C-alpha atoms as a PDB file:
ATOM      1  CA  MET A   1      90.251  60.343 122.740  1.00  0.00           C
ATOM      2  CA  THR A   2      89.100  64.486 123.205  1.00  0.00           C
ATOM      3  CA  VAL A   3      90.491  66.390 120.263  1.00  0.00           C
ATOM      4  CA  THR A   4      91.405  69.525 121.204  1.00  0.00           C
ATOM      5  CA  ILE A   5      91.610  71.889 118.551  1.00  0.00           C
ATOM      6  CA  GLY A   6      93.582  75.771 118.532  1.00  0.00           C
ATOM      7  CA  VAL A   7      90.901  78.491 117.883  1.00  0.00           C
ATOM      8  CA  HIS A   8      92.292  82.383 117.611  1.00  0.00           C
ATOM      9  CA  ASP A   9      90.504  85.535 115.456  1.00  0.00           C
ATOM     10  CA  SER A  10      93.834  85.782 112.722  1.00  0.00           C
ATOM     11  CA  ASN A  11      93.182  82.370 111.436  1.00  0.00           C
ATOM     12  CA  PRO A  12      89.718  82.216 109.415  1.00  0.00           C
ATOM     13  CA  THR A  13      89.553  78.929 108.785  1.00  0.00           C
ATOM     14  CA  LEU A  14      89.814  77.850 112.716  1.00  0.00           C
ATOM     15  CA  TYR A  15      87.815  81.285 113.919  1.00  0.00           C
ATOM     16  CA  TYR A  16      84.796  79.683 111.061  1.00  0.00           C
ATOM     17  CA  LEU A  17      85.354  75.972 112.258  1.00  0.00           C
ATOM     18  CA  SER A  18      85.023  76.647 116.196  1.00  0.00           C
ATOM     19  CA  ARG A  19      81.100  78.010 114.882  1.00  0.00           C
ATOM     20  CA  LEU A  20      80.480  74.820 113.046  1.00  0.00           C
ATOM     21  CA  ASP A  21      79.646  71.037 113.825  1.00  0.00           C
ATOM     22  CA  HIS A  22      81.740  69.784 111.609  1.00  0.00           C
ATOM     23  CA  ALA A  23      85.290  68.954 113.367  1.00  0.00           C
ATOM     24  CA  ALA A  24      82.197  67.227 115.808  1.00  0.00           C
ATOM     25  CA  ASP A  25      81.372  65.430 112.766  1.00  0.00           C
ATOM     26  CA  GLU A  26      83.922  64.144 111.252  1.00  0.00           C
ATOM     27  CA  LEU A  27      86.011  62.835 114.128  1.00  0.00           C
ATOM     28  CA  ALA A  28      82.872  61.246 115.532  1.00  0.00           C
ATOM     29  CA  ALA A  29      83.359  59.025 112.055  1.00  0.00           C
ATOM     30  CA  VAL A  30      87.440  58.034 113.195  1.00  0.00           C
ATOM     31  CA  GLY A  31      85.688  57.427 117.388  1.00  0.00           C
ATOM     32  CA  GLU A  32      86.501  60.841 118.459  1.00  0.00           C
ATOM     33  CA  THR A  33      85.517  63.984 120.160  1.00  0.00           C
ATOM     34  CA  VAL A  34      86.861  67.625 119.934  1.00  0.00           C
ATOM     35  CA  ALA A  35      87.315  70.559 122.228  1.00  0.00           C
ATOM     36  CA  PHE A  36      88.455  74.158 120.897  1.00  0.00           C
ATOM     37  CA  HIS A  37      90.690  76.333 122.840  1.00  0.00           C
ATOM     38  CA  PRO A  38      90.962  80.034 122.544  1.00  0.00           C
ATOM     39  CA  TYR A  39      93.557  81.914 122.381  1.00  0.00           C
ATOM     40  CA  GLU A  40      94.939  85.073 121.761  1.00  0.00           C
ATOM     41  CA  ASN A  41      98.356  85.329 119.941  1.00  0.00           C
ATOM     42  CA  GLY A  42      98.813  82.863 117.015  1.00  0.00           C
ATOM     43  CA  VAL A  43     102.873  82.824 118.218  1.00  0.00           C
ATOM     44  CA  ARG A  44     102.122  80.990 121.246  1.00  0.00           C
ATOM     45  CA  THR A  45     100.680  77.985 119.079  1.00  0.00           C
ATOM     46  CA  GLY A  46     103.992  76.004 119.256  1.00  0.00           C
ATOM     47  CA  ARG A  47     104.143  75.921 122.768  1.00  0.00           C
ATOM     48  CA  LEU A  48     100.527  75.366 123.617  1.00  0.00           C
ATOM     49  CA  LEU A  49     100.919  71.882 121.375  1.00  0.00           C
ATOM     50  CA  THR A  50     104.388  70.448 123.521  1.00  0.00           C
ATOM     51  CA  ASP A  51     102.249  71.049 126.042  1.00  0.00           C
ATOM     52  CA  GLY A  52      99.745  69.507 124.888  1.00  0.00           C
ATOM     53  CA  VAL A  53      96.935  71.932 125.558  1.00  0.00           C
ATOM     54  CA  ILE A  54      95.786  72.087 121.692  1.00  0.00           C
ATOM     55  CA  ASP A  55      96.688  69.141 119.068  1.00  0.00           C
ATOM     56  CA  LEU A  56      96.043  71.109 115.734  1.00  0.00           C
ATOM     57  CA  GLY A  57      96.508  75.023 115.943  1.00  0.00           C
ATOM     58  CA  GLY A  58      96.468  76.850 112.172  1.00  0.00           C
ATOM     59  CA  THR A  59      98.613  80.411 111.872  1.00  0.00           C
ATOM     60  CA  GLY A  60     100.754  82.148 109.295  1.00  0.00           C
ATOM     61  CA  SER A  61     103.929  81.340 107.836  1.00  0.00           C
ATOM     62  CA  THR A  62     106.483  82.640 110.712  1.00  0.00           C
ATOM     63  CA  PRO A  63     104.830  81.460 114.263  1.00  0.00           C
ATOM     64  CA  PRO A  64     105.879  77.279 113.346  1.00  0.00           C
ATOM     65  CA  ILE A  65     109.140  78.474 111.971  1.00  0.00           C
ATOM     66  CA  THR A  66     109.823  80.756 115.354  1.00  0.00           C
ATOM     67  CA  ALA A  67     108.314  77.418 117.134  1.00  0.00           C
ATOM     68  CA  GLN A  68     110.725  75.088 115.332  1.00  0.00           C
ATOM     69  CA  ALA A  69     113.522  77.550 115.903  1.00  0.00           C
ATOM     70  CA  ALA A  70     112.836  77.120 120.382  1.00  0.00           C
ATOM     71  CA  GLY A  71     112.736  73.431 119.730  1.00  0.00           C
ATOM     72  CA  HIS A  72     109.366  72.526 119.854  1.00  0.00           C
ATOM     73  CA  ASP A  73     108.450  69.115 117.620  1.00  0.00           C
ATOM     74  CA  LEU A  74     105.443  70.021 115.201  1.00  0.00           C
ATOM     75  CA  VAL A  75     104.862  68.815 111.845  1.00  0.00           C
ATOM     76  CA  TYR A  76     102.894  70.938 109.152  1.00  0.00           C
ATOM     77  CA  ALA A  77      99.163  69.177 108.116  1.00  0.00           C
ATOM     78  CA  ALA A  78      97.445  71.039 105.625  1.00  0.00           C
ATOM     79  CA  VAL A  79      98.175  74.670 104.136  1.00  0.00           C
ATOM     80  CA  SER A  80      95.672  76.851 102.983  1.00  0.00           C
ATOM     81  CA  ALA A  81      96.177  78.229  98.697  1.00  0.00           C
ATOM     82  CA  PRO A  82      98.627  81.208  98.411  1.00  0.00           C
ATOM     83  CA  ARG A  83      96.472  84.320  99.563  1.00  0.00           C
ATOM     84  CA  PRO A  84      98.274  87.605  97.397  1.00  0.00           C
ATOM     85  CA  ASP A  85      95.612  90.058  98.750  1.00  0.00           C
ATOM     86  CA  HIS A  86      95.104  88.952 102.426  1.00  0.00           C
ATOM     87  CA  GLY A  87      97.640  92.109 103.284  1.00  0.00           C
ATOM     88  CA  ALA A  88      99.877  95.015 101.544  1.00  0.00           C
ATOM     89  CA  LEU A  89     102.399  97.211 102.678  1.00  0.00           C
ATOM     90  CA  LEU A  90     101.313 100.974 102.922  1.00  0.00           C
ATOM     91  CA  VAL A  91     102.572 103.808 103.196  1.00  0.00           C
ATOM     92  CA  ALA A  92     100.406 107.997 102.550  1.00  0.00           C
ATOM     93  CA  ASP A  93      99.945 108.731  99.287  1.00  0.00           C
ATOM     94  CA  ASP A  94     102.567 111.609  99.541  1.00  0.00           C
ATOM     95  CA  SER A  95     105.043 109.123 101.387  1.00  0.00           C
ATOM     96  CA  PRO A  96     107.997 109.384  98.792  1.00  0.00           C
ATOM     97  CA  ALA A  97     108.696 106.238  98.807  1.00  0.00           C
ATOM     98  CA  ARG A  98     108.363 104.491  95.455  1.00  0.00           C
ATOM     99  CA  SER A  99     109.572 100.876  96.782  1.00  0.00           C
ATOM    100  CA  VAL A 100     110.173  98.868 100.426  1.00  0.00           C
ATOM    101  CA  ALA A 101     114.186  99.979  99.583  1.00  0.00           C
ATOM    102  CA  ASP A 102     113.629 103.849 100.250  1.00  0.00           C
ATOM    103  CA  LEU A 103     111.776 102.872 103.793  1.00  0.00           C
ATOM    104  CA  ALA A 104     115.534 101.938 105.400  1.00  0.00           C
ATOM    105  CA  GLY A 105     115.801 103.941 108.890  1.00  0.00           C
ATOM    106  CA  GLY A 106     111.828 104.596 109.158  1.00  0.00           C
ATOM    107  CA  THR A 107     109.334 102.672 111.296  1.00  0.00           C
ATOM    108  CA  VAL A 108     107.499 100.420 110.062  1.00  0.00           C
ATOM    109  CA  HIS A 109     104.640  98.888 112.004  1.00  0.00           C
ATOM    110  CA  LEU A 110     103.403  95.089 111.891  1.00  0.00           C
ATOM    111  CA  ALA A 111     102.493  92.200 113.780  1.00  0.00           C
ATOM    112  CA  ILE A 112     105.507  91.446 114.435  1.00  0.00           C
ATOM    113  CA  GLY A 113     106.363  87.290 114.781  1.00  0.00           C
ATOM    114  CA  SER A 114     103.075  87.023 112.331  1.00  0.00           C
ATOM    115  CA  TRP A 115     103.296  86.274 108.365  1.00  0.00           C
ATOM    116  CA  GLN A 116     103.686  90.294 108.607  1.00  0.00           C
ATOM    117  CA  THR A 117     107.341  89.852 109.624  1.00  0.00           C
ATOM    118  CA  HIS A 118     108.023  87.638 106.645  1.00  0.00           C
ATOM    119  CA  LEU A 119     107.118  89.860 104.331  1.00  0.00           C
ATOM    120  CA  VAL A 120     108.622  92.911 105.680  1.00  0.00           C
ATOM    121  CA  ALA A 121     111.943  90.587 105.841  1.00  0.00           C
ATOM    122  CA  LYS A 122     111.773  88.853 102.561  1.00  0.00           C
ATOM    123  CA  ALA A 123     110.770  92.195 100.843  1.00  0.00           C
ATOM    124  CA  LEU A 124     113.719  94.132 102.706  1.00  0.00           C
ATOM    125  CA  ASP A 125     116.276  91.241 101.636  1.00  0.00           C
ATOM    126  CA  ASP A 126     114.583  90.917  98.108  1.00  0.00           C
ATOM    127  CA  HIS A 127     116.662  94.561  97.897  1.00  0.00           C
ATOM    128  CA  GLY A 128     119.654  93.835  99.953  1.00  0.00           C
ATOM    129  CA  LEU A 129     118.670  95.231 102.739  1.00  0.00           C
ATOM    130  CA  SER A 130     117.653  93.633 106.790  1.00  0.00           C
ATOM    131  CA  TYR A 131     115.298  93.087 108.899  1.00  0.00           C
ATOM    132  CA  ALA A 132     117.481  93.925 111.665  1.00  0.00           C
ATOM    133  CA  THR A 133     119.384  96.661 110.637  1.00  0.00           C
ATOM    134  CA  ASP A 134     117.896  99.009 107.632  1.00  0.00           C
ATOM    135  CA  ILE A 135     114.100  99.658 109.835  1.00  0.00           C
ATOM    136  CA  VAL A 136     112.318 100.077 112.593  1.00  0.00           C
ATOM    137  CA  ALA A 137     110.617  97.198 112.987  1.00  0.00           C
ATOM    138  CA  GLU A 138     107.457  98.393 115.856  1.00  0.00           C
ATOM    139  CA  ARG A 139     104.586  96.146 116.875  1.00  0.00           C
ATOM    140  CA  GLY A 140     101.346  97.615 115.206  1.00  0.00           C
ATOM    141  CA  GLY A 141      98.597  98.462 117.469  1.00  0.00           C
ATOM    142  CA  GLU A 142      95.004 100.442 116.758  1.00  0.00           C
ATOM    143  CA  ASP A 143      96.839 103.698 116.508  1.00  0.00           C
ATOM    144  CA  SER A 144      99.292 102.294 112.843  1.00  0.00           C
ATOM    145  CA  GLU A 145      96.649 103.795 110.504  1.00  0.00           C
ATOM    146  CA  LYS A 146      96.611 107.148 112.460  1.00  0.00           C
ATOM    147  CA  LEU A 147      99.827 106.748 112.745  1.00  0.00           C
ATOM    148  CA  LEU A 148     100.954 106.832 109.761  1.00  0.00           C
ATOM    149  CA  ARG A 149      98.197 109.159 108.031  1.00  0.00           C
ATOM    150  CA  SER A 150     100.012 111.630 110.724  1.00  0.00           C
ATOM    151  CA  GLY A 151     103.620 110.884 109.261  1.00  0.00           C
ATOM    152  CA  ALA A 152     104.635 109.344 112.231  1.00  0.00           C
ATOM    153  CA  ILE A 153     105.606 106.292 111.057  1.00  0.00           C
ATOM    154  CA  ALA A 154     106.880 104.975 107.425  1.00  0.00           C
ATOM    155  CA  ALA A 155     105.226 102.424 106.659  1.00  0.00           C
ATOM    156  CA  TRP A 156     102.315  99.684 107.902  1.00  0.00           C
ATOM    157  CA  VAL A 157     101.640  96.298 107.093  1.00  0.00           C
ATOM    158  CA  ALA A 158      97.622  95.928 107.273  1.00  0.00           C
ATOM    159  CA  GLN A 159      95.479  93.314 106.341  1.00  0.00           C
ATOM    160  CA  GLY A 160      91.667  92.072 106.722  1.00  0.00           C
ATOM    161  CA  PRO A 161      88.881  94.488 107.531  1.00  0.00           C
ATOM    162  CA  ARG A 162      91.704  96.897 108.105  1.00  0.00           C
ATOM    163  CA  LEU A 163      93.397  96.889 105.043  1.00  0.00           C
ATOM    164  CA  ALA A 164      89.727  97.372 103.392  1.00  0.00           C
ATOM    165  CA  ALA A 165      88.971 100.529 105.956  1.00  0.00           C
ATOM    166  CA  ALA A 166      92.235 101.830 105.687  1.00  0.00           C
ATOM    167  CA  LEU A 167      91.817 101.672 101.689  1.00  0.00           C
ATOM    168  CA  ARG A 168      88.239 102.819 101.662  1.00  0.00           C
ATOM    169  CA  GLY A 169      89.531 106.046 103.374  1.00  0.00           C
ATOM    170  CA  GLY A 170      91.902 106.822 100.848  1.00  0.00           C
ATOM    171  CA  GLY A 171      94.936 109.326 101.532  1.00  0.00           C
ATOM    172  CA  LEU A 172      97.131 105.900 101.918  1.00  0.00           C
ATOM    173  CA  ARG A 173      98.540 103.298  98.879  1.00  0.00           C
ATOM    174  CA  VAL A 174      99.821  99.801  98.340  1.00  0.00           C
ATOM    175  CA  LEU A 175     103.285  99.861  98.396  1.00  0.00           C
ATOM    176  CA  VAL A 176     104.322  96.119  99.094  1.00  0.00           C
ATOM    177  CA  PRO A 177     100.992  93.165  97.715  1.00  0.00           C
ATOM    178  CA  THR A 178     101.984  90.925  99.592  1.00  0.00           C
ATOM    179  CA  GLY A 179     101.171  88.053  96.434  1.00  0.00           C
ATOM    180  CA  ASP A 180     104.822  90.267  94.692  1.00  0.00           C
ATOM    181  CA  VAL A 181     106.432  88.901  97.551  1.00  0.00           C
ATOM    182  CA  ILE A 182     105.501  86.350  99.315  1.00  0.00           C
ATOM    183  CA  THR A 183     102.937  83.197  99.532  1.00  0.00           C
ATOM    184  CA  ASP A 184     101.617  84.409 102.694  1.00  0.00           C
ATOM    185  CA  ARG A 185      99.514  80.850 103.306  1.00  0.00           C
ATOM    186  CA  SER A 186      97.406  79.900 106.297  1.00  0.00           C
ATOM    187  CA  VAL A 187      99.608  76.682 107.821  1.00  0.00           C
ATOM    188  CA  PHE A 188      97.646  74.354 110.009  1.00  0.00           C
ATOM    189  CA  PHE A 189     100.244  71.830 112.281  1.00  0.00           C
ATOM    190  CA  THR A 190     100.327  69.534 114.756  1.00  0.00           C
ATOM    191  CA  ARG A 191     101.856  67.201 117.801  1.00  0.00           C
ATOM    192  CA  ARG A 192     104.356  64.941 115.933  1.00  0.00           C
ATOM    193  CA  ALA A 193     102.719  62.147 117.790  1.00  0.00           C
ATOM    194  CA  LEU A 194      99.900  63.003 116.292  1.00  0.00           C
ATOM    195  CA  ALA A 195     100.562  63.220 112.962  1.00  0.00           C
ATOM    196  CA  GLU A 196     101.898  60.107 113.211  1.00  0.00           C
ATOM    197  CA  GLU A 197     100.429  57.534 115.281  1.00  0.00           C
ATOM    198  CA  ARG A 198      96.776  59.117 114.124  1.00  0.00           C
ATOM    199  CA  PRO A 199      96.610  59.439 110.789  1.00  0.00           C
ATOM    200  CA  ASP A 200      93.305  59.332 110.506  1.00  0.00           C
ATOM    201  CA  VAL A 201      92.089  61.934 113.416  1.00  0.00           C
ATOM    202  CA  VAL A 202      94.493  64.503 111.129  1.00  0.00           C
ATOM    203  CA  GLU A 203      92.776  63.617 108.050  1.00  0.00           C
ATOM    204  CA  ALA A 204      89.496  64.033 109.852  1.00  0.00           C
ATOM    205  CA  LEU A 205      90.713  67.748 110.806  1.00  0.00           C
ATOM    206  CA  LEU A 206      91.403  68.015 107.206  1.00  0.00           C
ATOM    207  CA  ARG A 207      87.794  67.260 106.314  1.00  0.00           C
ATOM    208  CA  ALA A 208      86.988  69.691 108.569  1.00  0.00           C
ATOM    209  CA  LEU A 209      88.711  72.672 107.590  1.00  0.00           C
ATOM    210  CA  ARG A 210      87.481  72.088 104.560  1.00  0.00           C
ATOM    211  CA  ARG A 211      84.295  71.783 105.459  1.00  0.00           C
ATOM    212  CA  ALA A 212      84.440  75.181 107.106  1.00  0.00           C
ATOM    213  CA  ASP A 213      85.503  76.924 104.134  1.00  0.00           C
ATOM    214  CA  ALA A 214      83.401  75.872 101.931  1.00  0.00           C
ATOM    215  CA  TRP A 215      81.367  76.722 104.073  1.00  0.00           C
ATOM    216  CA  ALA A 216      82.481  80.614 104.533  1.00  0.00           C
ATOM    217  CA  GLU A 217      82.895  81.034 100.923  1.00  0.00           C
ATOM    218  CA  ALA A 218      79.122  79.944 100.113  1.00  0.00           C
ATOM    219  CA  HIS A 219      78.632  82.378 102.932  1.00  0.00           C
ATOM    220  CA  PRO A 220      80.421  85.564 102.597  1.00  0.00           C
ATOM    221  CA  ARG A 221      77.993  88.286 104.527  1.00  0.00           C
ATOM    222  CA  GLU A 222      76.701  85.937 107.556  1.00  0.00           C
ATOM    223  CA  ALA A 223      80.216  85.077 108.057  1.00  0.00           C
ATOM    224  CA  ALA A 224      81.669  88.773 107.905  1.00  0.00           C
ATOM    225  CA  ALA A 225      78.398  89.333 110.069  1.00  0.00           C
ATOM    226  CA  ILE A 226      79.776  87.033 112.672  1.00  0.00           C
ATOM    227  CA  ALA A 227      83.272  88.780 112.672  1.00  0.00           C
ATOM    228  CA  ALA A 228      82.023  92.327 112.642  1.00  0.00           C
ATOM    229  CA  ASP A 229      80.222  91.141 115.758  1.00  0.00           C
ATOM    230  CA  HIS A 230      82.446  89.491 117.484  1.00  0.00           C
ATOM    231  CA  GLN A 231      85.381  91.379 116.510  1.00  0.00           C
ATOM    232  CA  GLY A 232      84.709  94.731 115.457  1.00  0.00           C
ATOM    233  CA  GLY A 233      85.396  97.182 112.560  1.00  0.00           C
ATOM    234  CA  ASP A 234      82.356  97.401 109.176  1.00  0.00           C
ATOM    235  CA  VAL A 235      80.470  93.955 108.299  1.00  0.00           C
ATOM    236  CA  ASP A 236      81.606  95.480 104.540  1.00  0.00           C
ATOM    237  CA  ASP A 237      84.790  95.783 105.183  1.00  0.00           C
ATOM    238  CA  TRP A 238      84.408  92.262 106.804  1.00  0.00           C
ATOM    239  CA  GLU A 239      82.770  91.020 103.330  1.00  0.00           C
ATOM    240  CA  THR A 240      85.670  92.324 101.157  1.00  0.00           C
ATOM    241  CA  ALA A 241      88.642  91.281 103.541  1.00  0.00           C
ATOM    242  CA  LEU A 242      86.793  87.371 103.483  1.00  0.00           C
ATOM    243  CA  ARG A 243      85.919  87.857  99.671  1.00  0.00           C
ATOM    244  CA  SER A 244      89.557  88.150  99.357  1.00  0.00           C
ATOM    245  CA  LEU A 245      90.562  84.631 100.604  1.00  0.00           C
ATOM    246  CA  PRO A 246      90.486  81.345  98.377  1.00  0.00           C
ATOM    247  CA  TRP A 247      89.208  79.102 100.947  1.00  0.00           C
ATOM    248  CA  ARG A 248      91.021  76.410  99.903  1.00  0.00           C
ATOM    249  CA  ILE A 249      93.246  73.865 101.545  1.00  0.00           C
ATOM    250  CA  GLU A 250      95.987  71.879 100.272  1.00  0.00           C
ATOM    251  CA  GLY A 251      98.783  69.557 101.167  1.00  0.00           C
ATOM    252  CA  VAL A 252     102.162  70.001 102.198  1.00  0.00           C
ATOM    253  CA  GLY A 253     104.220  70.277  99.521  1.00  0.00           C
ATOM    254  CA  ASP A 254     107.387  70.663  98.379  1.00  0.00           C
ATOM    255  CA  ASP A 255     106.909  74.039  97.485  1.00  0.00           C
ATOM    256  CA  PHE A 256     105.558  74.947 100.434  1.00  0.00           C
ATOM    257  CA  ILE A 257     108.272  73.560 102.046  1.00  0.00           C
ATOM    258  CA  ALA A 258     111.252  75.612 100.409  1.00  0.00           C
ATOM    259  CA  GLU A 259     108.723  78.544 101.181  1.00  0.00           C
ATOM    260  CA  GLN A 260     108.759  78.397 104.261  1.00  0.00           C
ATOM    261  CA  GLN A 261     113.320  77.214 104.196  1.00  0.00           C
ATOM    262  CA  GLN A 262     114.061  80.239 102.798  1.00  0.00           C
ATOM    263  CA  ALA A 263     111.814  82.722 105.148  1.00  0.00           C
ATOM    264  CA  ALA A 264     113.870  79.995 108.095  1.00  0.00           C
ATOM    265  CA  ASP A 265     117.216  81.633 106.011  1.00  0.00           C
ATOM    266  CA  VAL A 266     116.299  85.344 106.359  1.00  0.00           C
ATOM    267  CA  PHE A 267     115.029  84.916 109.811  1.00  0.00           C
ATOM    268  CA  ALA A 268     118.395  83.192 110.765  1.00  0.00           C
ATOM    269  CA  ARG A 269     120.343  85.511 109.010  1.00  0.00           C
ATOM    270  CA  VAL A 270     118.610  89.097 110.136  1.00  0.00           C
ATOM    271  CA  GLY A 271     119.381  86.906 113.818  1.00  0.00           C
ATOM    272  CA  PHE A 272     114.828  87.487 114.022  1.00  0.00           C
ATOM    273  CA  ILE A 273     115.508  83.216 115.225  1.00  0.00           C
ATOM    274  CA  ASP A 274     118.656  82.679 116.601  1.00  0.00           C
ATOM    275  CA  THR A 275     119.424  79.107 115.843  1.00  0.00           C
ATOM    276  CA  PRO A 276     118.757  77.748 111.922  1.00  0.00           C
ATOM    277  CA  VAL A 277     116.275  75.654 111.076  1.00  0.00           C
ATOM    278  CA  ARG A 278     115.472  72.594 108.999  1.00  0.00           C
ATOM    279  CA  VAL A 279     111.530  73.007 108.149  1.00  0.00           C
ATOM    280  CA  ALA A 280     111.715  69.503 105.925  1.00  0.00           C
ATOM    281  CA  ASP A 281     112.351  68.365 109.499  1.00  0.00           C
ATOM    282  CA  ALA A 282     108.562  69.290 110.657  1.00  0.00           C
ATOM    283  CA  VAL A 283     107.128  67.005 108.173  1.00  0.00           C
ATOM    284  CA  ALA A 284     105.855  63.500 109.565  1.00  0.00           C
ATOM    285  CA  ARG A 285     107.826  60.492 109.760  1.00  0.00           C
ATOM    286  CA  ARG A 286     105.852  57.197 108.812  1.00  0.00           C
ATOM    287  CA  PRO A 287     106.454  52.941 107.686  1.00  0.00           C
END
């Protein structure tokens, strides 16, 4: 059996795992081989699992919820420790906004469908506002920082090296630190059949994830250089971003399930998902 791991640039653990031998080593110990399937957008992970294209994927908090709402039968396998400094909601220094409530009626750039949707929706919900009606949410792009600095948009959710670069450039400030609103974990999930029929394979994959994290934590400059060469950006900004990550894989506990359920409930309330989700259904059923 060849176990296929989905890889996209936004999941750092899987990004570095695909460049190391750890997955091959750990799967060989349970008699299996590995392949990596690169793709561009983490929101596709649920569909790729359902279609059998991949066996394990990793994203932020939002894609597994939207996948479950779309009817994909996924199982949470592991999560990262909280990543409070991974991203932030930024405004211009001279913006009158002092809380997320002050963004009402404004345009916010973010990676729609990613963990950033969770951040913005939850922050607004905490202030009695709605992601659906109280802001204009637009998909961010390469010009988001420029638009924010020019006053064309009210706020922008930045992450990783782009956050480091934006703050290094001055003129912007953090309106909402991610860690003040959500835990922003990296989330790993798999097909139910694999989780329930081959738990030994899933455990081997988790050992490989932990080894990839240990490598990245021990080699931040080398990891930054790899990402900058492949994805663009400044090596120093990448290193700043990578050093901010916890590089620790944890089990799927009750606290995480509760966090995800809270997010799912907000998404259903504002219409971001059409079908309410019971997050606890996305766990392995074993004898």
